Amino acid sequence: MKKVFLIISIVLLLGLSWYLFLKPQDYRISFKANSIPGTINQTLKLWNGTFENNASITQNGTLNHLTQRIPINDSSTHQYDWFIEATSDSTSTVKIDVKDLNNSLMNKIRIPFSDTDFEKNSRKMVTDFAKKLKEHQDRIKITITGKDELSSTYCACVSLKSSQIAKAGEMMNNQPFLSSVISQNNISLNGVPFIHVTNWDIQNDSIAYDFCFPIVKPDSLPYIKGVEFKTFQGQKALKAIYNGNYITSDRAWYALLDYAQSNSIDIKKEPIEFFFSNPSMGDDELRWKAEIFMPLKN
């Protein structure tokens, strides 16, 4: 009997020691989202940017794990580890491990016996994000149409580098310049503006890309610093239709990545976007249209 009691005591002591000192989180929260991991990832980063207390967020190797640190006061910083798992083509489960980096032991002692302020504040934080995610999801629409083929076109381009979120702003900044080059040199347009991403750093959300106007190739072309006249080569690609603000059209990139992975399709991570709406005209953003392509490797 003493032996059984000793074994039980050791097991309980080990369990308590793990709970108090080794368990990585103080509290876990989870929710289901009608969204894919890439959209959740990007929305989480945007939401983090709304904090005024030097909140930081880092991506831990993949789209599916991010660590967020939010200073609460001079003596407390809360860490949120976000784990995003796709459960279908359009849904995900989000699990959040929350830890007070300065008061973890005290939280673990109190949590089993009461609904602490730490738990309440953590739930409020996650609920706020879930609400923002739903609002964002309601403002965009992505339709995967499958494989397609892009035609070759001659174009006038400027090469740019920016973060993904700054892409639309950089396009707007450079559109007057490209438009003036075309009009002042009597060059005829031959389609809608587009971008071709030549380098996509998914870990750091940064891109290098060409912003182009398709044109009818004239007999002679002027030399203009910063403008390259060239042929965009046609190619086979996966296609999606995106409706929504062009600032977040990269959500379709992630949808195409997921579609390619689910269907074992080899692609090049070099998105191409054709823009059919003029944002300066206002209107309902869900009526804005872009065709998004992800080139096939073969």
Protein backbone atom coordinates (compact mmCIF):
# COMPACT_ATOMS: atom_id res chain seq x y z
CA MET A 1 0.00 0.00 0.00
CA LYS A 2 2.85 2.34 0.84
CA LYS A 3 4.41 1.55 -2.54
CA VAL A 4 1.20 2.43 -4.38
CA PHE A 5 0.92 5.66 -2.39
CA LEU A 6 4.54 6.50 -3.20
CA ILE A 7 4.00 5.90 -6.93
CA ILE A 8 0.84 8.04 -6.95
CA SER A 9 2.65 10.80 -5.07
CA ILE A 10 5.55 10.76 -7.53
CA VAL A 11 3.18 10.87 -10.52
CA LEU A 12 1.26 13.76 -8.98
CA LEU A 13 4.47 15.61 -8.16
CA LEU A 14 5.79 15.14 -11.70
CA GLY A 15 2.47 16.29 -13.17
CA LEU A 16 2.39 19.36 -10.94
CA SER A 17 6.01 20.18 -11.75
CA TRP A 18 5.29 19.92 -15.49
CA TYR A 19 2.18 22.11 -15.13
CA LEU A 20 3.91 24.81 -13.10
CA PHE A 21 7.35 24.92 -14.71
CA LEU A 22 7.38 23.16 -18.10
CA LYS A 23 3.94 23.69 -19.64
CA PRO A 24 4.64 26.22 -22.44
CA GLN A 25 1.41 28.21 -22.13
CA ASP A 26 -0.61 29.60 -19.25
CA TYR A 27 -3.87 29.43 -21.19
CA ARG A 28 -5.09 28.05 -24.53
CA ILE A 29 -7.88 29.45 -26.72
CA SER A 30 -9.13 28.13 -30.04
CA PHE A 31 -11.69 29.07 -32.68
CA LYS A 32 -12.76 28.02 -36.16
CA ALA A 33 -12.49 30.45 -39.08
CA ASN A 34 -14.02 30.43 -42.55
CA SER A 35 -10.68 31.40 -44.01
CA ILE A 36 -7.44 29.90 -45.27
CA PRO A 37 -4.13 30.10 -43.35
CA GLY A 38 -2.59 32.72 -45.65
CA THR A 39 -5.47 35.14 -45.17
CA ILE A 40 -5.42 34.59 -41.40
CA ASN A 41 -1.66 35.12 -41.36
CA GLN A 42 -1.82 38.44 -43.22
CA THR A 43 -4.87 39.72 -41.32
CA LEU A 44 -3.14 38.92 -38.03
CA LYS A 45 -0.11 40.97 -39.05
CA LEU A 46 -2.29 43.91 -40.08
CA TRP A 47 -4.24 43.70 -36.83
CA ASN A 48 -1.00 43.65 -34.83
CA GLY A 49 -0.07 46.93 -36.50
CA THR A 50 -3.09 48.64 -34.91
CA PHE A 51 -1.62 48.36 -31.40
CA GLU A 52 0.00 51.49 -29.97
CA ASN A 53 2.22 49.75 -27.41
CA ASN A 54 5.05 48.40 -29.58
CA ALA A 55 3.42 45.02 -30.11
CA SER A 56 5.57 42.78 -32.28
CA ILE A 57 4.90 39.71 -34.38
CA THR A 58 7.26 37.22 -35.97
CA GLN A 59 6.61 34.40 -38.40
CA ASN A 60 8.16 31.15 -37.25
CA GLY A 61 9.23 29.54 -40.49
CA THR A 62 5.81 28.88 -41.99
CA LEU A 63 2.52 30.70 -42.55
CA ASN A 64 0.97 28.52 -39.87
CA HIS A 65 2.85 29.66 -36.77
CA LEU A 66 3.32 33.22 -35.55
CA THR A 67 4.47 34.61 -32.21
CA GLN A 68 3.03 37.89 -31.01
CA ARG A 69 4.27 39.86 -28.01
CA ILE A 70 2.10 42.59 -26.51
CA PRO A 71 3.45 44.80 -23.70
CA ILE A 72 0.70 45.29 -21.11
CA ASN A 73 2.54 47.56 -18.69
CA ASP A 74 6.06 48.11 -17.38
CA SER A 75 6.07 44.77 -15.60
CA SER A 76 4.14 42.49 -17.93
CA THR A 77 4.32 41.27 -21.52
CA HIS A 78 1.82 38.78 -22.92
CA GLN A 79 2.94 36.32 -25.59
CA TYR A 80 0.46 34.83 -28.04
CA ASP A 81 1.58 31.83 -30.07
CA TRP A 82 -0.81 31.45 -33.00
CA PHE A 83 -1.10 28.02 -34.65
CA ILE A 84 -3.19 27.93 -37.84
CA GLU A 85 -4.30 24.63 -39.35
CA ALA A 86 -6.33 24.28 -42.54
CA THR A 87 -9.30 21.95 -42.07
CA SER A 88 -10.72 22.27 -45.62
CA ASP A 89 -10.25 24.35 -48.76
CA SER A 90 -11.90 27.32 -47.06
CA THR A 91 -11.78 26.75 -43.29
CA SER A 92 -9.12 26.65 -40.59
CA THR A 93 -8.73 26.00 -36.89
CA VAL A 94 -6.76 28.60 -34.94
CA LYS A 95 -5.20 27.67 -31.60
CA ILE A 96 -3.59 30.33 -29.45
CA ASP A 97 -1.23 29.60 -26.55
CA VAL A 98 -1.09 32.62 -24.25
CA LYS A 99 1.60 33.26 -21.67
CA ASP A 100 2.45 36.14 -19.35
CA LEU A 101 6.21 36.26 -19.68
CA ASN A 102 6.58 37.98 -16.31
CA ASN A 103 3.90 36.31 -14.21
CA SER A 104 3.48 32.83 -15.68
CA LEU A 105 3.84 30.88 -12.42
CA MET A 106 1.25 32.97 -10.59
CA ASN A 107 -1.17 32.61 -13.52
CA LYS A 108 -0.85 28.83 -13.46
CA ILE A 109 -1.56 28.78 -9.75
CA ARG A 110 -4.67 30.98 -10.04
CA ILE A 111 -6.25 29.72 -13.27
CA PRO A 112 -7.59 26.37 -11.94
CA PHE A 113 -9.49 28.17 -9.17
CA SER A 114 -11.00 31.27 -10.83
CA ASP A 115 -11.66 33.04 -14.09
CA THR A 116 -8.73 35.44 -13.87
CA ASP A 117 -8.35 38.86 -15.46
CA PHE A 118 -5.55 37.32 -17.54
CA GLU A 119 -7.97 34.78 -19.02
CA LYS A 120 -10.68 37.40 -19.60
CA ASN A 121 -8.27 39.79 -21.33
CA SER A 122 -6.84 36.97 -23.45
CA ARG A 123 -10.30 35.89 -24.60
CA LYS A 124 -11.21 39.50 -25.38
CA MET A 125 -8.06 39.90 -27.45
CA VAL A 126 -8.69 36.76 -29.49
CA THR A 127 -12.38 37.61 -29.91
CA ASP A 128 -11.42 41.03 -31.24
CA PHE A 129 -9.12 39.46 -33.82
CA ALA A 130 -11.73 36.89 -34.86
CA LYS A 131 -14.18 39.74 -35.44
CA LYS A 132 -11.64 41.66 -37.55
CA LEU A 133 -10.91 38.51 -39.55
CA LYS A 134 -14.60 37.97 -40.32
CA GLU A 135 -15.03 41.62 -41.33
CA HIS A 136 -12.09 41.29 -43.71
CA GLN A 137 -13.36 38.00 -45.11
CA ASP A 138 -16.74 39.62 -45.81
CA ARG A 139 -15.03 42.31 -47.89
CA ILE A 140 -13.25 39.99 -50.33
CA LYS A 141 -14.17 37.15 -52.65
CA ILE A 142 -11.80 34.65 -54.26
CA THR A 143 -12.83 32.18 -56.95
CA ILE A 144 -10.36 29.59 -58.23
CA THR A 145 -11.09 28.84 -61.89
CA GLY A 146 -8.30 26.30 -62.52
CA LYS A 147 -5.64 26.13 -65.22
CA ASP A 148 -5.49 28.78 -67.91
CA GLU A 149 -3.01 30.24 -70.38
CA LEU A 150 -1.70 33.80 -70.49
CA SER A 151 -0.95 35.39 -73.85
CA SER A 152 2.28 37.22 -74.59
CA THR A 153 2.08 40.99 -74.65
CA TYR A 154 4.42 43.88 -75.24
CA CYS A 155 4.49 46.34 -72.36
CA ALA A 156 6.04 49.34 -70.64
CA CYS A 157 7.16 48.53 -67.10
CA VAL A 158 8.73 49.99 -63.99
CA SER A 159 10.50 47.68 -61.54
CA LEU A 160 9.52 48.08 -57.89
CA LYS A 161 10.21 46.60 -54.47
CA SER A 162 7.91 46.84 -51.48
CA SER A 163 6.11 44.95 -48.78
CA GLN A 164 3.00 43.10 -49.89
CA ILE A 165 0.74 45.55 -48.09
CA ALA A 166 2.43 48.50 -49.83
CA LYS A 167 2.00 47.04 -53.32
CA ALA A 168 -1.20 48.91 -54.22
CA GLY A 169 0.21 52.19 -52.91
CA GLU A 170 3.36 51.84 -55.01
CA MET A 171 1.24 51.11 -58.08
CA MET A 172 -0.79 54.28 -57.47
CA ASN A 173 2.41 56.30 -57.02
CA ASN A 174 3.84 55.07 -60.32
CA GLN A 175 0.68 55.04 -62.45
CA PRO A 176 0.81 58.79 -63.31
CA PHE A 177 4.43 58.41 -64.44
CA LEU A 178 3.71 55.44 -66.73
CA SER A 179 0.54 57.08 -68.04
CA SER A 180 2.46 60.26 -68.95
CA VAL A 181 5.17 58.24 -70.73
CA ILE A 182 2.54 56.54 -72.85
CA SER A 183 0.48 59.63 -73.65
CA GLN A 184 3.43 61.95 -74.34
CA ASN A 185 4.96 59.45 -76.77
CA ASN A 186 1.69 58.63 -78.58
CA ILE A 187 1.88 54.98 -77.53
CA SER A 188 -1.37 52.99 -77.72
CA LEU A 189 -2.53 50.92 -74.77
CA ASN A 190 -3.32 47.26 -75.44
CA GLY A 191 -4.92 45.98 -72.23
CA VAL A 192 -5.30 46.59 -68.51
CA PRO A 193 -2.43 47.29 -66.07
CA PHE A 194 -0.77 44.30 -64.45
CA ILE A 195 2.04 43.32 -62.15
CA HIS A 196 4.44 40.40 -62.42
CA VAL A 197 6.07 39.42 -59.13
CA THR A 198 9.65 38.32 -59.85
CA ASN A 199 10.60 37.57 -56.24
CA TRP A 200 8.30 36.78 -53.31
CA ASP A 201 9.86 36.50 -49.86
CA ILE A 202 7.00 34.80 -48.04
CA GLN A 203 8.81 34.80 -44.72
CA ASN A 204 9.21 38.57 -44.70
CA ASP A 205 6.17 39.59 -46.81
CA SER A 206 8.36 41.45 -49.28
CA ILE A 207 8.18 41.40 -53.07
CA ALA A 208 10.05 42.60 -56.17
CA TYR A 209 7.78 43.12 -59.15
CA ASP A 210 7.25 44.79 -62.50
CA PHE A 211 4.29 47.16 -62.83
CA CYS A 212 3.32 47.20 -66.48
CA PHE A 213 0.97 48.71 -69.05
CA PRO A 214 0.38 46.51 -72.12
CA ILE A 215 1.02 48.55 -75.27
CA VAL A 216 0.99 48.23 -79.05
CA LYS A 217 4.67 48.04 -79.98
CA PRO A 218 5.55 51.15 -82.01
CA ASP A 219 8.18 51.31 -84.75
CA SER A 220 10.53 53.20 -82.45
CA LEU A 221 10.70 53.69 -78.73
CA PRO A 222 12.19 56.51 -76.66
CA TYR A 223 14.77 56.00 -73.95
CA ILE A 224 13.17 56.92 -70.64
CA LYS A 225 15.04 56.38 -67.39
CA GLY A 226 13.25 53.93 -65.12
CA VAL A 227 11.04 52.48 -67.87
CA GLU A 228 11.67 49.16 -69.57
CA PHE A 229 9.91 48.22 -72.79
CA LYS A 230 9.76 44.45 -73.14
CA THR A 231 7.69 41.40 -74.02
CA PHE A 232 5.86 39.64 -71.25
CA GLN A 233 6.02 35.98 -72.23
CA GLY A 234 2.80 34.01 -72.26
CA GLN A 235 2.63 30.95 -70.04
CA LYS A 236 0.33 28.40 -68.49
CA ALA A 237 -0.89 29.21 -65.00
CA LEU A 238 -3.45 28.62 -62.28
CA LYS A 239 -6.09 31.34 -62.29
CA ALA A 240 -8.26 32.97 -59.65
CA ILE A 241 -10.75 35.83 -59.76
CA TYR A 242 -10.33 38.30 -56.89
CA ASN A 243 -12.99 40.80 -55.87
CA GLY A 244 -12.09 43.35 -53.23
CA ASN A 245 -9.67 46.14 -52.41
CA TYR A 246 -6.43 45.73 -54.35
CA ILE A 247 -4.45 46.34 -51.15
CA THR A 248 -5.31 42.77 -50.12
CA SER A 249 -5.35 41.06 -53.51
CA ASP A 250 -2.46 38.91 -52.29
CA ARG A 251 -5.05 36.85 -50.43
CA ALA A 252 -5.64 35.18 -53.79
CA TRP A 253 -1.95 34.25 -53.94
CA TYR A 254 -2.32 32.14 -50.83
CA ALA A 255 -5.54 30.60 -52.14
CA LEU A 256 -3.70 29.55 -55.31
CA LEU A 257 -0.81 28.14 -53.25
CA ASP A 258 -3.25 26.05 -51.21
CA TYR A 259 -5.09 24.90 -54.34
CA ALA A 260 -1.82 23.88 -56.01
CA GLN A 261 -0.69 21.94 -52.94
CA SER A 262 -4.04 20.18 -52.54
CA ASN A 263 -4.05 19.16 -56.20
CA SER A 264 -0.32 18.30 -56.48
CA ILE A 265 0.33 21.01 -59.07
CA ASP A 266 3.88 22.37 -59.39
CA ILE A 267 3.87 26.15 -59.57
CA LYS A 268 6.30 29.05 -59.56
CA LYS A 269 5.67 31.47 -56.72
CA GLU A 270 5.63 34.45 -59.06
CA PRO A 271 2.09 35.87 -58.96
CA ILE A 272 0.72 37.89 -61.87
CA GLU A 273 -2.22 40.25 -61.35
CA PHE A 274 -4.36 42.00 -63.99
CA PHE A 275 -6.46 44.90 -62.69
CA PHE A 276 -9.81 45.61 -64.35
CA SER A 277 -11.17 48.33 -62.04
CA ASN A 278 -10.13 51.89 -61.31
CA PRO A 279 -9.93 52.29 -57.51
CA SER A 280 -10.18 56.08 -57.81
CA MET A 281 -13.76 55.65 -59.00
CA GLY A 282 -14.77 54.42 -55.53
CA ASP A 283 -17.76 52.08 -55.76
CA ASP A 284 -18.34 48.90 -53.78
CA GLU A 285 -14.94 47.21 -53.35
CA LEU A 286 -16.51 43.79 -53.88
CA ARG A 287 -17.16 44.94 -57.45
CA TRP A 288 -13.46 45.56 -58.06
CA LYS A 289 -12.03 42.75 -60.16
CA ALA A 290 -8.55 41.36 -60.62
CA GLU A 291 -7.44 38.20 -62.38
CA ILE A 292 -4.67 36.50 -60.45
CA PHE A 293 -2.33 33.90 -61.95
CA MET A 294 0.30 31.58 -60.51
CA PRO A 295 2.54 30.21 -63.30
CA LEU A 296 2.95 26.45 -63.72
CA LYS A 297 6.43 25.00 -63.63
CA ASN A 298 5.81 22.81 -66.66
